[in-house]
C-alpha atoms as a PDB file:
ATOM      1  CA  UNK A   1      -0.134   0.116   0.225  1.00  0.00           C
ATOM      2  CA  UNK A   2       1.575   3.305  -0.819  1.00  0.00           C
ATOM      3  CA  UNK A   3       2.199   5.582   1.779  1.00  0.00           C
ATOM      4  CA  UNK A   4       0.367   9.014   2.945  1.00  0.00           C
ATOM      5  CA  UNK A   5       2.903  11.799   2.824  1.00  0.00           C
ATOM      6  CA  UNK A   6       1.900  13.749   6.004  1.00  0.00           C
ATOM      7  CA  UNK A   7       3.662  17.225   5.785  1.00  0.00           C
ATOM      8  CA  UNK A   8       4.222  18.699   8.893  1.00  0.00           C
ATOM      9  CA  UNK A   9       4.920  22.613   9.229  1.00  0.00           C
ATOM     10  CA  UNK A  10       6.573  24.499  11.618  1.00  0.00           C
ATOM     11  CA  UNK A  11       4.557  25.708  14.361  1.00  0.00           C
ATOM     12  CA  UNK A  12       6.128  29.163  13.737  1.00  0.00           C
ATOM     13  CA  UNK A  13       4.883  29.124  10.193  1.00  0.00           C
ATOM     14  CA  UNK A  14       1.978  27.562   8.624  1.00  0.00           C
ATOM     15  CA  UNK A  15       0.567  24.931   6.509  1.00  0.00           C
ATOM     16  CA  UNK A  16       0.932  27.470   3.382  1.00  0.00           C
ATOM     17  CA  UNK A  17       4.733  26.445   3.612  1.00  0.00           C
ATOM     18  CA  UNK A  18       3.996  23.021   2.536  1.00  0.00           C
ATOM     19  CA  UNK A  19       0.926  23.632  -0.187  1.00  0.00           C
ATOM     20  CA  UNK A  20       3.196  23.835  -3.280  1.00  0.00           C
ATOM     21  CA  UNK A  21       5.173  20.466  -1.916  1.00  0.00           C
ATOM     22  CA  UNK A  22       1.691  18.966  -1.540  1.00  0.00           C
ATOM     23  CA  UNK A  23       0.278  20.026  -5.301  1.00  0.00           C
ATOM     24  CA  UNK A  24       3.180  18.495  -6.655  1.00  0.00           C
ATOM     25  CA  UNK A  25       3.349  15.445  -4.932  1.00  0.00           C
ATOM     26  CA  UNK A  26      -0.586  15.257  -5.507  1.00  0.00           C
ATOM     27  CA  UNK A  27       0.155  15.864  -9.398  1.00  0.00           C
ATOM     28  CA  UNK A  28       2.475  13.018  -9.246  1.00  0.00           C
ATOM     29  CA  UNK A  29      -0.152  10.655  -7.707  1.00  0.00           C
ATOM     30  CA  UNK A  30       0.416  10.390  -4.233  1.00  0.00           C
ATOM     31  CA  UNK A  31      -1.716  11.006  -1.526  1.00  0.00           C
ATOM     32  CA  UNK A  32      -0.902  14.032   0.825  1.00  0.00           C
ATOM     33  CA  UNK A  33      -2.160  15.427   4.159  1.00  0.00           C
ATOM     34  CA  UNK A  34      -1.043  19.001   5.314  1.00  0.00           C
ATOM     35  CA  UNK A  35      -2.264  19.287   9.106  1.00  0.00           C
ATOM     36  CA  UNK A  36      -2.743  22.394  10.436  1.00  0.00           C
ATOM     37  CA  UNK A  37      -0.752  23.262  13.656  1.00  0.00           C
ATOM     38  CA  UNK A  38      -1.740  27.100  13.785  1.00  0.00           C
ATOM     39  CA  UNK A  39      -3.453  26.434  17.048  1.00  0.00           C
ATOM     40  CA  UNK A  40      -0.545  24.854  18.785  1.00  0.00           C
ATOM     41  CA  UNK A  41       0.345  27.971  20.723  1.00  0.00           C
ATOM     42  CA  UNK A  42      -3.115  28.711  22.441  1.00  0.00           C
ATOM     43  CA  UNK A  43      -3.659  28.251  25.877  1.00  0.00           C
ATOM     44  CA  UNK A  44      -1.549  27.313  28.638  1.00  0.00           C
ATOM     45  CA  UNK A  45       1.502  24.941  28.447  1.00  0.00           C
ATOM     46  CA  UNK A  46       2.390  21.930  27.287  1.00  0.00           C
ATOM     47  CA  UNK A  47       2.076  22.625  23.764  1.00  0.00           C
ATOM     48  CA  UNK A  48       3.488  19.802  22.244  1.00  0.00           C
ATOM     49  CA  UNK A  49       0.513  17.355  22.813  1.00  0.00           C
ATOM     50  CA  UNK A  50      -1.506  19.891  20.757  1.00  0.00           C
ATOM     51  CA  UNK A  51       0.782  18.987  17.849  1.00  0.00           C
ATOM     52  CA  UNK A  52       0.178  15.641  18.212  1.00  0.00           C
ATOM     53  CA  UNK A  53      -3.608  16.039  18.183  1.00  0.00           C
ATOM     54  CA  UNK A  54      -3.628  17.841  15.142  1.00  0.00           C
ATOM     55  CA  UNK A  55      -1.871  15.470  13.384  1.00  0.00           C
ATOM     56  CA  UNK A  56      -4.092  12.458  14.626  1.00  0.00           C
ATOM     57  CA  UNK A  57      -7.041  14.540  13.811  1.00  0.00           C
ATOM     58  CA  UNK A  58      -5.997  15.367  10.532  1.00  0.00           C
ATOM     59  CA  UNK A  59      -5.787  11.380   9.861  1.00  0.00           C
ATOM     60  CA  UNK A  60      -8.900  10.169  11.861  1.00  0.00           C
ATOM     61  CA  UNK A  61     -10.707   9.622   8.503  1.00  0.00           C
ATOM     62  CA  UNK A  62      -7.783   7.802   6.882  1.00  0.00           C
ATOM     63  CA  UNK A  63      -8.086   3.773   7.733  1.00  0.00           C
ATOM     64  CA  UNK A  64      -5.470   2.813  11.006  1.00  0.00           C
ATOM     65  CA  UNK A  65      -3.752   0.382   8.341  1.00  0.00           C
ATOM     66  CA  UNK A  66      -2.381   3.078   5.769  1.00  0.00           C
ATOM     67  CA  UNK A  67       1.191   3.582   6.220  1.00  0.00           C
ATOM     68  CA  UNK A  68       2.416   7.373   6.325  1.00  0.00           C
ATOM     69  CA  UNK A  69       5.522   9.182   5.870  1.00  0.00           C
ATOM     70  CA  UNK A  70       5.969  11.731   8.045  1.00  0.00           C
ATOM     71  CA  UNK A  71       7.689  14.957   6.829  1.00  0.00           C
ATOM     72  CA  UNK A  72       8.979  17.606   9.238  1.00  0.00           C
ATOM     73  CA  UNK A  73      10.437  21.245   8.316  1.00  0.00           C
ATOM     74  CA  UNK A  74      12.212  23.480  10.904  1.00  0.00           C
ATOM     75  CA  UNK A  75      11.174  22.845  14.112  1.00  0.00           C
ATOM     76  CA  UNK A  76       8.286  20.918  13.615  1.00  0.00           C
ATOM     77  CA  UNK A  77      11.390  17.943  13.494  1.00  0.00           C
ATOM     78  CA  UNK A  78      11.380  18.097  17.493  1.00  0.00           C
ATOM     79  CA  UNK A  79       7.686  16.945  17.610  1.00  0.00           C
ATOM     80  CA  UNK A  80       8.460  14.197  15.191  1.00  0.00           C
ATOM     81  CA  UNK A  81       9.043  11.429  17.638  1.00  0.00           C
ATOM     82  CA  UNK A  82       5.858  12.218  19.730  1.00  0.00           C
ATOM     83  CA  UNK A  83       3.954  12.319  16.855  1.00  0.00           C
ATOM     84  CA  UNK A  84       4.936   9.121  15.802  1.00  0.00           C
ATOM     85  CA  UNK A  85       4.013   7.803  18.797  1.00  0.00           C
ATOM     86  CA  UNK A  86       0.928   9.188  19.248  1.00  0.00           C
ATOM     87  CA  UNK A  87      -0.531   7.749  15.873  1.00  0.00           C
ATOM     88  CA  UNK A  88      -2.295   5.090  15.259  1.00  0.00           C
ATOM     89  CA  UNK A  89      -0.994   4.455  11.659  1.00  0.00           C
ATOM     90  CA  UNK A  90       2.385   2.711  10.709  1.00  0.00           C
ATOM     91  CA  UNK A  91       5.000   5.175  10.077  1.00  0.00           C
ATOM     92  CA  UNK A  92       6.642   3.999   7.162  1.00  0.00           C
ATOM     93  CA  UNK A  93       9.479   6.483   7.104  1.00  0.00           C
ATOM     94  CA  UNK A  94      10.318  10.049   8.616  1.00  0.00           C
ATOM     95  CA  UNK A  95      12.153  13.023   6.830  1.00  0.00           C
ATOM     96  CA  UNK A  96      13.536  15.954   8.401  1.00  0.00           C
ATOM     97  CA  UNK A  97      13.752  19.131   6.026  1.00  0.00           C
ATOM     98  CA  UNK A  98      16.156  21.681   7.071  1.00  0.00           C
ATOM     99  CA  UNK A  99      14.869  20.820  10.413  1.00  0.00           C
ATOM    100  CA  UNK A 100      15.867  20.766  14.068  1.00  0.00           C
ATOM    101  CA  UNK A 101      16.788  17.193  15.515  1.00  0.00           C
ATOM    102  CA  UNK A 102      15.004  15.390  18.452  1.00  0.00           C
ATOM    103  CA  UNK A 103      17.240  14.095  20.846  1.00  0.00           C
ATOM    104  CA  UNK A 104      17.932  10.235  20.673  1.00  0.00           C
ATOM    105  CA  UNK A 105      16.151   9.790  23.729  1.00  0.00           C
ATOM    106  CA  UNK A 106      15.052  11.649  26.987  1.00  0.00           C
ATOM    107  CA  UNK A 107      13.756  14.940  26.202  1.00  0.00           C
ATOM    108  CA  UNK A 108      14.547  18.147  23.744  1.00  0.00           C
ATOM    109  CA  UNK A 109      14.515  21.565  24.339  1.00  0.00           C
ATOM    110  CA  UNK A 110      12.818  23.523  21.677  1.00  0.00           C
ATOM    111  CA  UNK A 111      15.231  26.298  21.997  1.00  0.00           C
ATOM    112  CA  UNK A 112      18.776  26.556  22.887  1.00  0.00           C
ATOM    113  CA  UNK A 113      20.031  29.086  25.515  1.00  0.00           C
ATOM    114  CA  UNK A 114      21.310  31.732  23.060  1.00  0.00           C
ATOM    115  CA  UNK A 115      18.059  31.269  21.001  1.00  0.00           C
ATOM    116  CA  UNK A 116      16.089  32.307  24.085  1.00  0.00           C
ATOM    117  CA  UNK A 117      18.288  35.158  25.265  1.00  0.00           C
ATOM    118  CA  UNK A 118      17.297  36.543  21.442  1.00  0.00           C
ATOM    119  CA  UNK A 119      13.760  36.100  22.244  1.00  0.00           C
ATOM    120  CA  UNK A 120      12.857  37.233  25.504  1.00  0.00           C
ATOM    121  CA  UNK A 121      13.651  40.978  24.867  1.00  0.00           C
ATOM    122  CA  UNK A 122      11.002  40.859  21.901  1.00  0.00           C
ATOM    123  CA  UNK A 123       8.188  39.269  24.123  1.00  0.00           C
ATOM    124  CA  UNK A 124       5.330  41.498  24.777  1.00  0.00           C
ATOM    125  CA  UNK A 125       3.285  40.105  27.688  1.00  0.00           C
ATOM    126  CA  UNK A 126       4.923  36.929  26.921  1.00  0.00           C
ATOM    127  CA  UNK A 127       3.752  37.060  23.466  1.00  0.00           C
ATOM    128  CA  UNK A 128       6.347  37.007  20.554  1.00  0.00           C
ATOM    129  CA  UNK A 129       6.013  39.017  17.473  1.00  0.00           C
ATOM    130  CA  UNK A 130       5.222  36.557  14.309  1.00  0.00           C
ATOM    131  CA  UNK A 131       8.420  34.512  12.896  1.00  0.00           C
ATOM    132  CA  UNK A 132       9.196  36.879   9.942  1.00  0.00           C
ATOM    133  CA  UNK A 133       9.694  40.030  12.284  1.00  0.00           C
ATOM    134  CA  UNK A 134      12.492  38.431  13.990  1.00  0.00           C
ATOM    135  CA  UNK A 135      15.049  39.150  11.415  1.00  0.00           C
ATOM    136  CA  UNK A 136      15.694  41.888   8.994  1.00  0.00           C
ATOM    137  CA  UNK A 137      14.516  42.447   5.550  1.00  0.00           C
ATOM    138  CA  UNK A 138      18.005  41.236   4.260  1.00  0.00           C
ATOM    139  CA  UNK A 139      17.422  37.915   6.009  1.00  0.00           C
ATOM    140  CA  UNK A 140      13.468  37.592   4.899  1.00  0.00           C
ATOM    141  CA  UNK A 141      13.425  38.798   1.497  1.00  0.00           C
ATOM    142  CA  UNK A 142      15.827  35.856  -0.003  1.00  0.00           C
ATOM    143  CA  UNK A 143      12.957  33.059   1.346  1.00  0.00           C
ATOM    144  CA  UNK A 144      10.534  34.461  -1.033  1.00  0.00           C
ATOM    145  CA  UNK A 145      10.453  34.783  -4.732  1.00  0.00           C
ATOM    146  CA  UNK A 146       7.000  35.137  -5.250  1.00  0.00           C
ATOM    147  CA  UNK A 147       5.152  38.127  -3.333  1.00  0.00           C
ATOM    148  CA  UNK A 148       1.584  36.771  -3.241  1.00  0.00           C
ATOM    149  CA  UNK A 149       3.368  33.579  -1.581  1.00  0.00           C
ATOM    150  CA  UNK A 150       5.116  35.938   1.035  1.00  0.00           C
ATOM    151  CA  UNK A 151       1.983  37.674   1.614  1.00  0.00           C
ATOM    152  CA  UNK A 152       0.213  34.252   2.299  1.00  0.00           C
ATOM    153  CA  UNK A 153       2.881  32.816   4.828  1.00  0.00           C
ATOM    154  CA  UNK A 154       3.430  36.193   6.375  1.00  0.00           C
ATOM    155  CA  UNK A 155      -0.286  37.063   7.416  1.00  0.00           C
ATOM    156  CA  UNK A 156      -0.737  33.113   8.360  1.00  0.00           C
ATOM    157  CA  UNK A 157       1.628  32.906  11.015  1.00  0.00           C
ATOM    158  CA  UNK A 158       1.233  32.683  14.549  1.00  0.00           C
ATOM    159  CA  UNK A 159       2.170  34.955  17.276  1.00  0.00           C
ATOM    160  CA  UNK A 160       3.443  32.486  19.685  1.00  0.00           C
ATOM    161  CA  UNK A 161       3.845  32.707  23.454  1.00  0.00           C
ATOM    162  CA  UNK A 162       7.657  32.678  24.856  1.00  0.00           C
ATOM    163  CA  UNK A 163       6.738  29.700  26.624  1.00  0.00           C
ATOM    164  CA  UNK A 164       6.270  27.882  23.388  1.00  0.00           C
ATOM    165  CA  UNK A 165       9.970  27.859  22.797  1.00  0.00           C
ATOM    166  CA  UNK A 166      10.927  27.689  26.848  1.00  0.00           C
ATOM    167  CA  UNK A 167       9.179  24.154  26.428  1.00  0.00           C
ATOM    168  CA  UNK A 168      10.793  20.773  26.275  1.00  0.00           C
ATOM    169  CA  UNK A 169       9.406  17.854  24.259  1.00  0.00           C
ATOM    170  CA  UNK A 170       9.432  13.972  25.697  1.00  0.00           C
ATOM    171  CA  UNK A 171      11.417  11.792  22.922  1.00  0.00           C
ATOM    172  CA  UNK A 172      10.085   8.062  23.196  1.00  0.00           C
ATOM    173  CA  UNK A 173      12.731   5.442  23.322  1.00  0.00           C
ATOM    174  CA  UNK A 174      13.415   3.712  20.278  1.00  0.00           C
ATOM    175  CA  UNK A 175      11.993   6.244  18.256  1.00  0.00           C
ATOM    176  CA  UNK A 176      14.070   6.103  14.915  1.00  0.00           C
ATOM    177  CA  UNK A 177      13.495   2.216  14.701  1.00  0.00           C
ATOM    178  CA  UNK A 178      12.444   3.117  10.973  1.00  0.00           C
ATOM    179  CA  UNK A 179      13.972   4.375   8.243  1.00  0.00           C
ATOM    180  CA  UNK A 180      14.575   8.182   9.034  1.00  0.00           C
ATOM    181  CA  UNK A 181      16.373  10.760   6.234  1.00  0.00           C
ATOM    182  CA  UNK A 182      17.728  14.499   6.527  1.00  0.00           C
ATOM    183  CA  UNK A 183      16.872  16.927   3.266  1.00  0.00           C
ATOM    184  CA  UNK A 184      19.021  20.015   3.974  1.00  0.00           C
ATOM    185  CA  UNK A 185      18.396  23.264   2.354  1.00  0.00           C
ATOM    186  CA  UNK A 186      21.164  25.405   3.726  1.00  0.00           C
ATOM    187  CA  UNK A 187      22.961  27.229   6.500  1.00  0.00           C
ATOM    188  CA  UNK A 188      22.418  27.073   9.324  1.00  0.00           C
ATOM    189  CA  UNK A 189      21.316  23.457   9.544  1.00  0.00           C
ATOM    190  CA  UNK A 190      24.722  21.906   8.339  1.00  0.00           C
ATOM    191  CA  UNK A 191      25.360  20.651  11.556  1.00  0.00           C
ATOM    192  CA  UNK A 192      22.066  18.641  11.961  1.00  0.00           C
ATOM    193  CA  UNK A 193      22.427  17.021   8.779  1.00  0.00           C
ATOM    194  CA  UNK A 194      26.114  16.174   9.806  1.00  0.00           C
ATOM    195  CA  UNK A 195      24.387  14.657  12.951  1.00  0.00           C
ATOM    196  CA  UNK A 196      21.722  12.922  10.795  1.00  0.00           C
ATOM    197  CA  UNK A 197      24.690  11.013   8.881  1.00  0.00           C
ATOM    198  CA  UNK A 198      26.391  10.113  12.370  1.00  0.00           C
ATOM    199  CA  UNK A 199      23.092   8.700  13.052  1.00  0.00           C
ATOM    200  CA  UNK A 200      23.342   6.530   9.879  1.00  0.00           C
ATOM    201  CA  UNK A 201      20.440   8.356   8.302  1.00  0.00           C
ATOM    202  CA  UNK A 202      20.272   9.198   4.653  1.00  0.00           C
ATOM    203  CA  UNK A 203      20.939  13.127   3.756  1.00  0.00           C
ATOM    204  CA  UNK A 204      20.262  14.775   0.634  1.00  0.00           C
ATOM    205  CA  UNK A 205      21.181  18.559  -0.366  1.00  0.00           C
ATOM    206  CA  UNK A 206      18.981  20.819  -2.383  1.00  0.00           C
ATOM    207  CA  UNK A 207      20.467  24.294  -2.121  1.00  0.00           C
ATOM    208  CA  UNK A 208      18.518  26.935  -0.932  1.00  0.00           C
ATOM    209  CA  UNK A 209      17.109  29.267   1.855  1.00  0.00           C
ATOM    210  CA  UNK A 210      15.312  27.905   4.970  1.00  0.00           C
ATOM    211  CA  UNK A 211      11.656  28.320   2.979  1.00  0.00           C
ATOM    212  CA  UNK A 212      12.822  26.682   0.003  1.00  0.00           C
ATOM    213  CA  UNK A 213      10.174  24.326  -0.349  1.00  0.00           C
ATOM    214  CA  UNK A 214       8.264  27.262  -1.774  1.00  0.00           C
ATOM    215  CA  UNK A 215      10.826  28.395  -4.151  1.00  0.00           C
ATOM    216  CA  UNK A 216      11.199  24.939  -5.504  1.00  0.00           C
ATOM    217  CA  UNK A 217       8.696  22.588  -4.551  1.00  0.00           C
ATOM    218  CA  UNK A 218       9.087  20.308  -7.800  1.00  0.00           C
ATOM    219  CA  UNK A 219      12.953  19.749  -6.422  1.00  0.00           C
ATOM    220  CA  UNK A 220      11.512  19.038  -2.915  1.00  0.00           C
ATOM    221  CA  UNK A 221       8.893  16.744  -3.690  1.00  0.00           C
ATOM    222  CA  UNK A 222      11.548  15.019  -5.796  1.00  0.00           C
ATOM    223  CA  UNK A 223      13.759  14.548  -3.343  1.00  0.00           C
ATOM    224  CA  UNK A 224      11.086  13.625  -0.566  1.00  0.00           C
ATOM    225  CA  UNK A 225      10.234  10.703  -2.964  1.00  0.00           C
ATOM    226  CA  UNK A 226      13.467   9.307  -3.546  1.00  0.00           C
ATOM    227  CA  UNK A 227      14.675   9.524   0.216  1.00  0.00           C
ATOM    228  CA  UNK A 228      11.797   7.323   1.044  1.00  0.00           C
ATOM    229  CA  UNK A 229      10.857   5.106  -1.961  1.00  0.00           C
ATOM    230  CA  UNK A 230      14.607   4.078  -3.063  1.00  0.00           C
ATOM    231  CA  UNK A 231      17.458   2.269  -0.950  1.00  0.00           C
END
């Protein structure tokens, strides 16, 4: 049975960051789901169970024996072990796309201390600006080639509480006992790609900025298929 690609966006942005890739995969004959995690930061912590619940809810109408391929971008990678543990569906493979890597076991902090030091002065009443507002225009502009797509992505972003980045996500033991791989776009994720290699995972490189999946959805879709369907 052909698995369903489940494209999990970073809670810092929104599902539109995966829409172009979903369209390419669908056109190529694959089944695709893009669950929305836009509500993950609502309410009080812990936040990570809401990410798990969002993916479970999105797959509710899919038969439980249908295999899935979990694809996580950016800090959604940290949730992937918990998502896998929370699903009834068999996970055929997992792909981390320019993503943060979860710990091998134990728990994973969402943000390292230096990022928290960067974020704390931005918070107003405990709430951060949208992710694209953290950076200078010189950093953001290269991520977008289409002004319409940029408007969609920017306007869709949630404003997350600082406590979202202060959380620690549990990592179930032996979560990586299935095929895992890594798709690198570029800096600053080379270290994560190198660690993925050390873990024995397949690693591919599609040079681009952090949101390169919206710039080159065809190339991204091709790599996802290659990483999960070939040996």
